[in-house]
């Protein structure tokens, strides 16, 4: 029963359009060891990035009155017309 739940959960995550970063970072359904050693503020920030609960335009653009397609949510800090997501700021 637990195995079925984990498989169904992982399938939902993989099919989600909103958990893009989570799919790349999470390899197993367990707590990550580094979360226990990080200071509380940093742990909160890391968790928010992982589950797309942040204020990058890739997320906020989908909640605007005129929903902006993901491919059009460009970075507002540079002129490269890159999508403003977690990977853009990591480079």
PDB file of N, CA and C in Angstrom:
ATOM      1  N   UNK A   1       0.824  -1.174   0.000  1.00  0.00           N
ATOM      2  CA  UNK A   1       0.000   0.000   0.000  1.00  0.00           C
ATOM      3  C   UNK A   1       0.885   1.261   0.000  1.00  0.00           C
ATOM      4  N   UNK A   2       1.912   1.268   0.846  1.00  0.00           N
ATOM      5  CA  UNK A   2       2.824   2.400   0.906  1.00  0.00           C
ATOM      6  C   UNK A   2       3.568   2.561  -0.416  1.00  0.00           C
ATOM      7  N   UNK A   3       3.979   1.449  -0.993  1.00  0.00           N
ATOM      8  CA  UNK A   3       4.681   1.494  -2.273  1.00  0.00           C
ATOM      9  C   UNK A   3       3.781   2.064  -3.368  1.00  0.00           C
ATOM     10  N   UNK A   4       2.515   1.674  -3.379  1.00  0.00           N
ATOM     11  CA  UNK A   4       1.560   2.211  -4.354  1.00  0.00           C
ATOM     12  C   UNK A   4       1.390   3.715  -4.186  1.00  0.00           C
ATOM     13  N   UNK A   5       1.323   4.168  -2.922  1.00  0.00           N
ATOM     14  CA  UNK A   5       1.200   5.593  -2.638  1.00  0.00           C
ATOM     15  C   UNK A   5       2.419   6.348  -3.168  1.00  0.00           C
ATOM     16  N   UNK A   6       3.621   5.828  -2.892  1.00  0.00           N
ATOM     17  CA  UNK A   6       4.845   6.490  -3.342  1.00  0.00           C
ATOM     18  C   UNK A   6       4.914   6.551  -4.863  1.00  0.00           C
ATOM     19  N   UNK A   7       4.524   5.476  -5.521  1.00  0.00           N
ATOM     20  CA  UNK A   7       4.546   5.459  -6.981  1.00  0.00           C
ATOM     21  C   UNK A   7       3.558   6.471  -7.553  1.00  0.00           C
ATOM     22  N   UNK A   8       2.371   6.531  -6.982  1.00  0.00           N
ATOM     23  CA  UNK A   8       1.359   7.477  -7.457  1.00  0.00           C
ATOM     24  C   UNK A   8       1.799   8.920  -7.197  1.00  0.00           C
ATOM     25  N   UNK A   9       2.387   9.168  -6.038  1.00  0.00           N
ATOM     26  CA  UNK A   9       2.873  10.504  -5.707  1.00  0.00           C
ATOM     27  C   UNK A   9       3.970  10.924  -6.675  1.00  0.00           C
ATOM     28  N   UNK A  10       4.936  10.054  -6.904  1.00  0.00           N
ATOM     29  CA  UNK A  10       6.029  10.373  -7.815  1.00  0.00           C
ATOM     30  C   UNK A  10       5.517  10.605  -9.228  1.00  0.00           C
ATOM     31  N   UNK A  11       4.536   9.834  -9.655  1.00  0.00           N
ATOM     32  CA  UNK A  11       3.946  10.019 -10.987  1.00  0.00           C
ATOM     33  C   UNK A  11       3.281  11.394 -11.089  1.00  0.00           C
ATOM     34  N   UNK A  12       2.578  11.801 -10.044  1.00  0.00           N
ATOM     35  CA  UNK A  12       1.947  13.121 -10.033  1.00  0.00           C
ATOM     36  C   UNK A  12       2.992  14.226 -10.092  1.00  0.00           C
ATOM     37  N   UNK A  13       4.081  14.049  -9.374  1.00  0.00           N
ATOM     38  CA  UNK A  13       5.162  15.039  -9.378  1.00  0.00           C
ATOM     39  C   UNK A  13       5.769  15.134 -10.774  1.00  0.00           C
ATOM     40  N   UNK A  14       6.033  14.014 -11.391  1.00  0.00           N
ATOM     41  CA  UNK A  14       6.645  13.997 -12.722  1.00  0.00           C
ATOM     42  C   UNK A  14       5.737  14.601 -13.783  1.00  0.00           C
ATOM     43  N   UNK A  15       4.441  14.481 -13.609  1.00  0.00           N
ATOM     44  CA  UNK A  15       3.489  15.016 -14.581  1.00  0.00           C
ATOM     45  C   UNK A  15       3.101  16.463 -14.293  1.00  0.00           C
ATOM     46  N   UNK A  16       3.567  16.999 -13.186  1.00  0.00           N
ATOM     47  CA  UNK A  16       3.216  18.356 -12.793  1.00  0.00           C
ATOM     48  C   UNK A  16       3.975  19.368 -13.635  1.00  0.00           C
ATOM     49  N   UNK A  17       3.305  20.419 -14.016  1.00  0.00           N
ATOM     50  CA  UNK A  17       3.955  21.502 -14.727  1.00  0.00           C
ATOM     51  C   UNK A  17       4.548  22.530 -13.791  1.00  0.00           C
ATOM     52  N   UNK A  18       4.284  22.411 -12.501  1.00  0.00           N
ATOM     53  CA  UNK A  18       4.732  23.420 -11.554  1.00  0.00           C
ATOM     54  C   UNK A  18       5.896  22.973 -10.681  1.00  0.00           C
ATOM     55  N   UNK A  19       6.229  21.728 -10.682  1.00  0.00           N
ATOM     56  CA  UNK A  19       7.303  21.239  -9.813  1.00  0.00           C
ATOM     57  C   UNK A  19       8.559  20.893 -10.622  1.00  0.00           C
ATOM     58  N   UNK A  20       8.888  21.749 -11.570  1.00  0.00           N
ATOM     59  CA  UNK A  20      10.023  21.481 -12.465  1.00  0.00           C
ATOM     60  C   UNK A  20      11.327  21.313 -11.703  1.00  0.00           C
ATOM     61  N   UNK A  21      11.633  22.226 -10.808  1.00  0.00           N
ATOM     62  CA  UNK A  21      12.891  22.147 -10.059  1.00  0.00           C
ATOM     63  C   UNK A  21      12.884  20.950  -9.123  1.00  0.00           C
ATOM     64  N   UNK A  22      11.764  20.718  -8.471  1.00  0.00           N
ATOM     65  CA  UNK A  22      11.650  19.604  -7.534  1.00  0.00           C
ATOM     66  C   UNK A  22      11.982  18.286  -8.219  1.00  0.00           C
ATOM     67  N   UNK A  23      11.514  18.112  -9.448  1.00  0.00           N
ATOM     68  CA  UNK A  23      11.757  16.868 -10.189  1.00  0.00           C
ATOM     69  C   UNK A  23      13.247  16.638 -10.421  1.00  0.00           C
ATOM     70  N   UNK A  24      13.989  17.713 -10.600  1.00  0.00           N
ATOM     71  CA  UNK A  24      15.423  17.581 -10.857  1.00  0.00           C
ATOM     72  C   UNK A  24      16.238  17.374  -9.590  1.00  0.00           C
ATOM     73  N   UNK A  25      15.775  17.949  -8.487  1.00  0.00           N
ATOM     74  CA  UNK A  25      16.548  17.900  -7.244  1.00  0.00           C
ATOM     75  C   UNK A  25      16.221  16.706  -6.361  1.00  0.00           C
ATOM     76  N   UNK A  26      15.005  16.275  -6.380  1.00  0.00           N
ATOM     77  CA  UNK A  26      14.559  15.218  -5.467  1.00  0.00           C
ATOM     78  C   UNK A  26      14.757  13.854  -6.114  1.00  0.00           C
ATOM     79  N   UNK A  27      15.481  12.990  -5.423  1.00  0.00           N
ATOM     80  CA  UNK A  27      15.744  11.664  -5.978  1.00  0.00           C
ATOM     81  C   UNK A  27      15.026  10.557  -5.214  1.00  0.00           C
ATOM     82  N   UNK A  28      14.612  10.848  -3.993  1.00  0.00           N
ATOM     83  CA  UNK A  28      13.881   9.846  -3.211  1.00  0.00           C
ATOM     84  C   UNK A  28      12.863  10.560  -2.332  1.00  0.00           C
ATOM     85  N   UNK A  29      11.856   9.830  -1.906  1.00  0.00           N
ATOM     86  CA  UNK A  29      10.813  10.410  -1.060  1.00  0.00           C
ATOM     87  C   UNK A  29      11.210  10.303   0.415  1.00  0.00           C
ATOM     88  N   UNK A  30      12.218  11.077   0.766  1.00  0.00           N
ATOM     89  CA  UNK A  30      12.691  11.121   2.153  1.00  0.00           C
ATOM     90  C   UNK A  30      13.263  12.499   2.408  1.00  0.00           C
ATOM     91  N   UNK A  31      13.425  12.840   3.684  1.00  0.00           N
ATOM     92  CA  UNK A  31      13.988  14.138   4.042  1.00  0.00           C
ATOM     93  C   UNK A  31      15.472  14.165   3.656  1.00  0.00           C
ATOM     94  N   UNK A  32      15.918  15.282   3.151  1.00  0.00           N
ATOM     95  CA  UNK A  32      17.316  15.441   2.774  1.00  0.00           C
ATOM     96  C   UNK A  32      18.142  15.754   4.022  1.00  0.00           C
ATOM     97  N   UNK A  33      19.271  15.103   4.159  1.00  0.00           N
ATOM     98  CA  UNK A  33      20.112  15.240   5.355  1.00  0.00           C
ATOM     99  C   UNK A  33      20.587  16.677   5.556  1.00  0.00           C
ATOM    100  N   UNK A  34      20.869  17.390   4.478  1.00  0.00           N
ATOM    101  CA  UNK A  34      21.389  18.743   4.631  1.00  0.00           C
ATOM    102  C   UNK A  34      20.371  19.700   5.252  1.00  0.00           C
ATOM    103  N   UNK A  35      19.091  19.374   5.190  1.00  0.00           N
ATOM    104  CA  UNK A  35      18.083  20.250   5.786  1.00  0.00           C
ATOM    105  C   UNK A  35      18.188  20.304   7.308  1.00  0.00           C
ATOM    106  N   UNK A  36      18.742  19.271   7.914  1.00  0.00           N
ATOM    107  CA  UNK A  36      18.903  19.257   9.366  1.00  0.00           C
ATOM    108  C   UNK A  36      20.050  20.132   9.855  1.00  0.00           C
ATOM    109  N   UNK A  37      20.997  20.450   8.979  1.00  0.00           N
ATOM    110  CA  UNK A  37      22.167  21.207   9.439  1.00  0.00           C
ATOM    111  C   UNK A  37      22.149  22.672   9.006  1.00  0.00           C
ATOM    112  N   UNK A  38      21.228  23.048   8.146  1.00  0.00           N
ATOM    113  CA  UNK A  38      21.140  24.428   7.700  1.00  0.00           C
ATOM    114  C   UNK A  38      20.476  25.303   8.756  1.00  0.00           C
ATOM    115  N   UNK A  39      20.855  26.570   8.846  1.00  0.00           N
ATOM    116  CA  UNK A  39      20.128  27.508   9.704  1.00  0.00           C
ATOM    117  C   UNK A  39      18.679  27.614   9.232  1.00  0.00           C
ATOM    118  N   UNK A  40      17.791  27.952  10.131  1.00  0.00           N
ATOM    119  CA  UNK A  40      16.357  27.954   9.845  1.00  0.00           C
ATOM    120  C   UNK A  40      15.996  28.823   8.628  1.00  0.00           C
ATOM    121  N   UNK A  41      16.551  30.031   8.512  1.00  0.00           N
ATOM    122  CA  UNK A  41      16.220  30.915   7.386  1.00  0.00           C
ATOM    123  C   UNK A  41      16.658  30.306   6.054  1.00  0.00           C
ATOM    124  N   UNK A  42      17.845  29.724   6.029  1.00  0.00           N
ATOM    125  CA  UNK A  42      18.343  29.116   4.802  1.00  0.00           C
ATOM    126  C   UNK A  42      17.557  27.855   4.454  1.00  0.00           C
ATOM    127  N   UNK A  43      17.185  27.089   5.468  1.00  0.00           N
ATOM    128  CA  UNK A  43      16.384  25.880   5.245  1.00  0.00           C
ATOM    129  C   UNK A  43      15.037  26.247   4.652  1.00  0.00           C
ATOM    130  N   UNK A  44      14.444  27.335   5.146  1.00  0.00           N
ATOM    131  CA  UNK A  44      13.152  27.788   4.616  1.00  0.00           C
ATOM    132  C   UNK A  44      13.298  28.222   3.159  1.00  0.00           C
ATOM    133  N   UNK A  45      14.353  28.978   2.860  1.00  0.00           N
ATOM    134  CA  UNK A  45      14.578  29.444   1.490  1.00  0.00           C
ATOM    135  C   UNK A  45      14.809  28.268   0.541  1.00  0.00           C
ATOM    136  N   UNK A  46      15.610  27.300   0.971  1.00  0.00           N
ATOM    137  CA  UNK A  46      15.862  26.120   0.134  1.00  0.00           C
ATOM    138  C   UNK A  46      14.571  25.344  -0.110  1.00  0.00           C
ATOM    139  N   UNK A  47      13.780  25.201   0.914  1.00  0.00           N
ATOM    140  CA  UNK A  47      12.510  24.475   0.774  1.00  0.00           C
ATOM    141  C   UNK A  47      11.577  25.204  -0.182  1.00  0.00           C
ATOM    142  N   UNK A  48      11.526  26.523  -0.085  1.00  0.00           N
ATOM    143  CA  UNK A  48      10.665  27.291  -0.978  1.00  0.00           C
ATOM    144  C   UNK A  48      11.106  27.143  -2.438  1.00  0.00           C
ATOM    145  N   UNK A  49      12.407  27.165  -2.674  1.00  0.00           N
ATOM    146  CA  UNK A  49      12.893  26.963  -4.037  1.00  0.00           C
ATOM    147  C   UNK A  49      12.529  25.588  -4.560  1.00  0.00           C
ATOM    148  N   UNK A  50      12.665  24.595  -3.705  1.00  0.00           N
ATOM    149  CA  UNK A  50      12.417  23.217  -4.137  1.00  0.00           C
ATOM    150  C   UNK A  50      10.967  22.969  -4.508  1.00  0.00           C
ATOM    151  N   UNK A  51      10.044  23.605  -3.808  1.00  0.00           N
ATOM    152  CA  UNK A  51       8.624  23.356  -4.081  1.00  0.00           C
ATOM    153  C   UNK A  51       7.956  24.507  -4.842  1.00  0.00           C
ATOM    154  N   UNK A  52       8.779  25.387  -5.417  1.00  0.00           N
ATOM    155  CA  UNK A  52       8.286  26.508  -6.237  1.00  0.00           C
ATOM    156  C   UNK A  52       7.353  27.438  -5.478  1.00  0.00           C
ATOM    157  N   UNK A  53       7.682  27.701  -4.246  1.00  0.00           N
ATOM    158  CA  UNK A  53       6.913  28.636  -3.426  1.00  0.00           C
ATOM    159  C   UNK A  53       7.753  29.891  -3.212  1.00  0.00           C
ATOM    160  N   UNK A  54       8.124  30.543  -4.307  1.00  0.00           N
ATOM    161  CA  UNK A  54       9.004  31.701  -4.262  1.00  0.00           C
ATOM    162  C   UNK A  54       8.436  32.791  -5.152  1.00  0.00           C
ATOM    163  N   UNK A  55       9.134  33.907  -5.229  1.00  0.00           N
ATOM    164  CA  UNK A  55       8.605  35.042  -5.993  1.00  0.00           C
ATOM    165  C   UNK A  55       9.297  35.256  -7.334  1.00  0.00           C
ATOM    166  N   UNK A  56       9.931  34.228  -7.880  1.00  0.00           N
ATOM    167  CA  UNK A  56      10.485  34.359  -9.221  1.00  0.00           C
ATOM    168  C   UNK A  56       9.334  34.431 -10.223  1.00  0.00           C
ATOM    169  N   UNK A  57       9.584  35.131 -11.316  1.00  0.00           N
ATOM    170  CA  UNK A  57       8.525  35.384 -12.297  1.00  0.00           C
ATOM    171  C   UNK A  57       7.960  34.114 -12.911  1.00  0.00           C
ATOM    172  N   UNK A  58       8.744  33.053 -12.950  1.00  0.00           N
ATOM    173  CA  UNK A  58       8.251  31.793 -13.501  1.00  0.00           C
ATOM    174  C   UNK A  58       7.032  31.302 -12.708  1.00  0.00           C
ATOM    175  N   UNK A  59       6.950  31.668 -11.437  1.00  0.00           N
ATOM    176  CA  UNK A  59       5.790  31.298 -10.616  1.00  0.00           C
ATOM    177  C   UNK A  59       4.760  32.412 -10.547  1.00  0.00           C
ATOM    178  N   UNK A  60       5.199  33.636 -10.269  1.00  0.00           N
ATOM    179  CA  UNK A  60       4.240  34.726 -10.091  1.00  0.00           C
ATOM    180  C   UNK A  60       3.506  35.056 -11.383  1.00  0.00           C
ATOM    181  N   UNK A  61       4.131  34.800 -12.529  1.00  0.00           N
ATOM    182  CA  UNK A  61       3.503  35.096 -13.822  1.00  0.00           C
ATOM    183  C   UNK A  61       2.262  34.281 -14.097  1.00  0.00           C
ATOM    184  N   UNK A  62       2.125  33.171 -13.430  1.00  0.00           N
ATOM    185  CA  UNK A  62       0.932  32.366 -13.695  1.00  0.00           C
ATOM    186  C   UNK A  62      -0.261  32.783 -12.850  1.00  0.00           C
ATOM    187  N   UNK A  63      -0.019  33.707 -11.903  1.00  0.00           N
ATOM    188  CA  UNK A  63      -1.105  34.177 -11.037  1.00  0.00           C
ATOM    189  C   UNK A  63      -1.576  35.576 -11.400  1.00  0.00           C
ATOM    190  N   UNK A  64      -1.016  36.160 -12.453  1.00  0.00           N
ATOM    191  CA  UNK A  64      -1.451  37.493 -12.847  1.00  0.00           C
ATOM    192  C   UNK A  64      -2.841  37.422 -13.472  1.00  0.00           C
ATOM    193  N   UNK A  65      -3.463  38.570 -13.545  1.00  0.00           N
ATOM    194  CA  UNK A  65      -4.831  38.625 -14.093  1.00  0.00           C
ATOM    195  C   UNK A  65      -4.865  38.034 -15.505  1.00  0.00           C
ATOM    196  N   UNK A  66      -3.927  38.452 -16.339  1.00  0.00           N
ATOM    197  CA  UNK A  66      -3.772  37.872 -17.669  1.00  0.00           C
ATOM    198  C   UNK A  66      -2.639  36.853 -17.574  1.00  0.00           C
ATOM    199  N   UNK A  67      -2.979  35.595 -17.330  1.00  0.00           N
ATOM    200  CA  UNK A  67      -1.969  34.552 -17.129  1.00  0.00           C
ATOM    201  C   UNK A  67      -0.959  34.547 -18.274  1.00  0.00           C
ATOM    202  N   UNK A  68       0.315  34.590 -17.904  1.00  0.00           N
ATOM    203  CA  UNK A  68       1.392  34.623 -18.887  1.00  0.00           C
ATOM    204  C   UNK A  68       1.909  33.210 -19.091  1.00  0.00           C
ATOM    205  N   UNK A  69       2.015  32.803 -20.351  1.00  0.00           N
ATOM    206  CA  UNK A  69       2.527  31.475 -20.657  1.00  0.00           C
ATOM    207  C   UNK A  69       3.940  31.321 -20.102  1.00  0.00           C
ATOM    208  N   UNK A  70       4.261  30.150 -19.607  1.00  0.00           N
ATOM    209  CA  UNK A  70       5.556  29.894 -18.982  1.00  0.00           C
ATOM    210  C   UNK A  70       6.714  30.290 -19.887  1.00  0.00           C
ATOM    211  N   UNK A  71       6.591  30.047 -21.161  1.00  0.00           N
ATOM    212  CA  UNK A  71       7.667  30.354 -22.098  1.00  0.00           C
ATOM    213  C   UNK A  71       7.849  31.859 -22.314  1.00  0.00           C
ATOM    214  N   UNK A  72       6.935  32.675 -21.792  1.00  0.00           N
ATOM    215  CA  UNK A  72       7.001  34.128 -21.939  1.00  0.00           C
ATOM    216  C   UNK A  72       7.334  34.846 -20.627  1.00  0.00           C
ATOM    217  N   UNK A  73       7.654  34.119 -19.583  1.00  0.00           N
ATOM    218  CA  UNK A  73       7.940  34.732 -18.279  1.00  0.00           C
ATOM    219  C   UNK A  73       9.428  35.062 -18.178  1.00  0.00           C
ATOM    220  N   UNK A  74       9.814  36.086 -18.906  1.00  0.00           N
ATOM    221  CA  UNK A  74      11.219  36.455 -19.027  1.00  0.00           C
ATOM    222  C   UNK A  74      11.747  37.149 -17.777  1.00  0.00           C
ATOM    223  N   UNK A  75      13.052  37.025 -17.593  1.00  0.00           N
ATOM    224  CA  UNK A  75      13.734  37.664 -16.474  1.00  0.00           C
ATOM    225  C   UNK A  75      13.614  39.176 -16.613  1.00  0.00           C
ATOM    226  N   UNK A  76      13.293  39.846 -15.523  1.00  0.00           N
ATOM    227  CA  UNK A  76      13.152  41.293 -15.538  1.00  0.00           C
ATOM    228  C   UNK A  76      14.457  41.997 -15.184  1.00  0.00           C
ATOM    229  N   UNK A  77      15.508  41.238 -14.878  1.00  0.00           N
ATOM    230  CA  UNK A  77      16.795  41.824 -14.484  1.00  0.00           C
ATOM    231  C   UNK A  77      17.818  41.839 -15.610  1.00  0.00           C
ATOM    232  N   UNK A  78      17.594  41.111 -16.668  1.00  0.00           N
ATOM    233  CA  UNK A  78      18.552  41.090 -17.775  1.00  0.00           C
ATOM    234  C   UNK A  78      17.791  41.184 -19.096  1.00  0.00           C
ATOM    235  N   UNK A  79      18.514  41.370 -20.144  1.00  0.00           N
ATOM    236  CA  UNK A  79      17.892  41.547 -21.465  1.00  0.00           C
ATOM    237  C   UNK A  79      18.059  40.330 -22.359  1.00  0.00           C
ATOM    238  N   UNK A  80      18.316  39.175 -21.794  1.00  0.00           N
ATOM    239  CA  UNK A  80      18.565  37.973 -22.589  1.00  0.00           C
ATOM    240  C   UNK A  80      17.302  37.241 -23.001  1.00  0.00           C
ATOM    241  N   UNK A  81      16.174  37.654 -22.514  1.00  0.00           N
ATOM    242  CA  UNK A  81      14.897  36.975 -22.720  1.00  0.00           C
ATOM    243  C   UNK A  81      14.973  35.512 -22.293  1.00  0.00           C
ATOM    244  N   UNK A  82      15.634  35.277 -21.164  1.00  0.00           N
ATOM    245  CA  UNK A  82      15.637  33.959 -20.533  1.00  0.00           C
ATOM    246  C   UNK A  82      14.448  33.884 -19.596  1.00  0.00           C
ATOM    247  N   UNK A  83      13.894  32.701 -19.439  1.00  0.00           N
ATOM    248  CA  UNK A  83      12.809  32.517 -18.486  1.00  0.00           C
ATOM    249  C   UNK A  83      13.370  32.718 -17.080  1.00  0.00           C
ATOM    250  N   UNK A  84      12.691  33.540 -16.290  1.00  0.00           N
ATOM    251  CA  UNK A  84      13.148  33.819 -14.933  1.00  0.00           C
ATOM    252  C   UNK A  84      12.749  32.648 -14.019  1.00  0.00           C
ATOM    253  N   UNK A  85      13.630  31.654 -13.969  1.00  0.00           N
ATOM    254  CA  UNK A  85      13.392  30.502 -13.109  1.00  0.00           C
ATOM    255  C   UNK A  85      14.627  30.227 -12.261  1.00  0.00           C
ATOM    256  N   UNK A  86      14.585  29.166 -11.491  1.00  0.00           N
ATOM    257  CA  UNK A  86      15.672  28.829 -10.584  1.00  0.00           C
ATOM    258  C   UNK A  86      16.971  28.558 -11.343  1.00  0.00           C
ATOM    259  N   UNK A  87      16.879  27.940 -12.483  1.00  0.00           N
ATOM    260  CA  UNK A  87      18.068  27.604 -13.258  1.00  0.00           C
ATOM    261  C   UNK A  87      18.720  28.854 -13.852  1.00  0.00           C
ATOM    262  N   UNK A  88      17.922  29.840 -14.203  1.00  0.00           N
ATOM    263  CA  UNK A  88      18.451  31.087 -14.753  1.00  0.00           C
ATOM    264  C   UNK A  88      19.350  31.778 -13.725  1.00  0.00           C
ATOM    265  N   UNK A  89      18.923  31.820 -12.474  1.00  0.00           N
ATOM    266  CA  UNK A  89      19.698  32.496 -11.446  1.00  0.00           C
ATOM    267  C   UNK A  89      20.856  31.642 -10.921  1.00  0.00           C
ATOM    268  N   UNK A  90      20.836  30.373 -11.189  1.00  0.00           N
ATOM    269  CA  UNK A  90      21.936  29.505 -10.742  1.00  0.00           C
ATOM    270  C   UNK A  90      23.132  29.626 -11.668  1.00  0.00           C
ATOM    271  N   UNK A  91      22.912  30.094 -12.876  1.00  0.00           N
ATOM    272  CA  UNK A  91      24.025  30.191 -13.841  1.00  0.00           C
ATOM    273  C   UNK A  91      24.746  31.494 -13.742  1.00  0.00           C
TER     274      UNK A  91
END
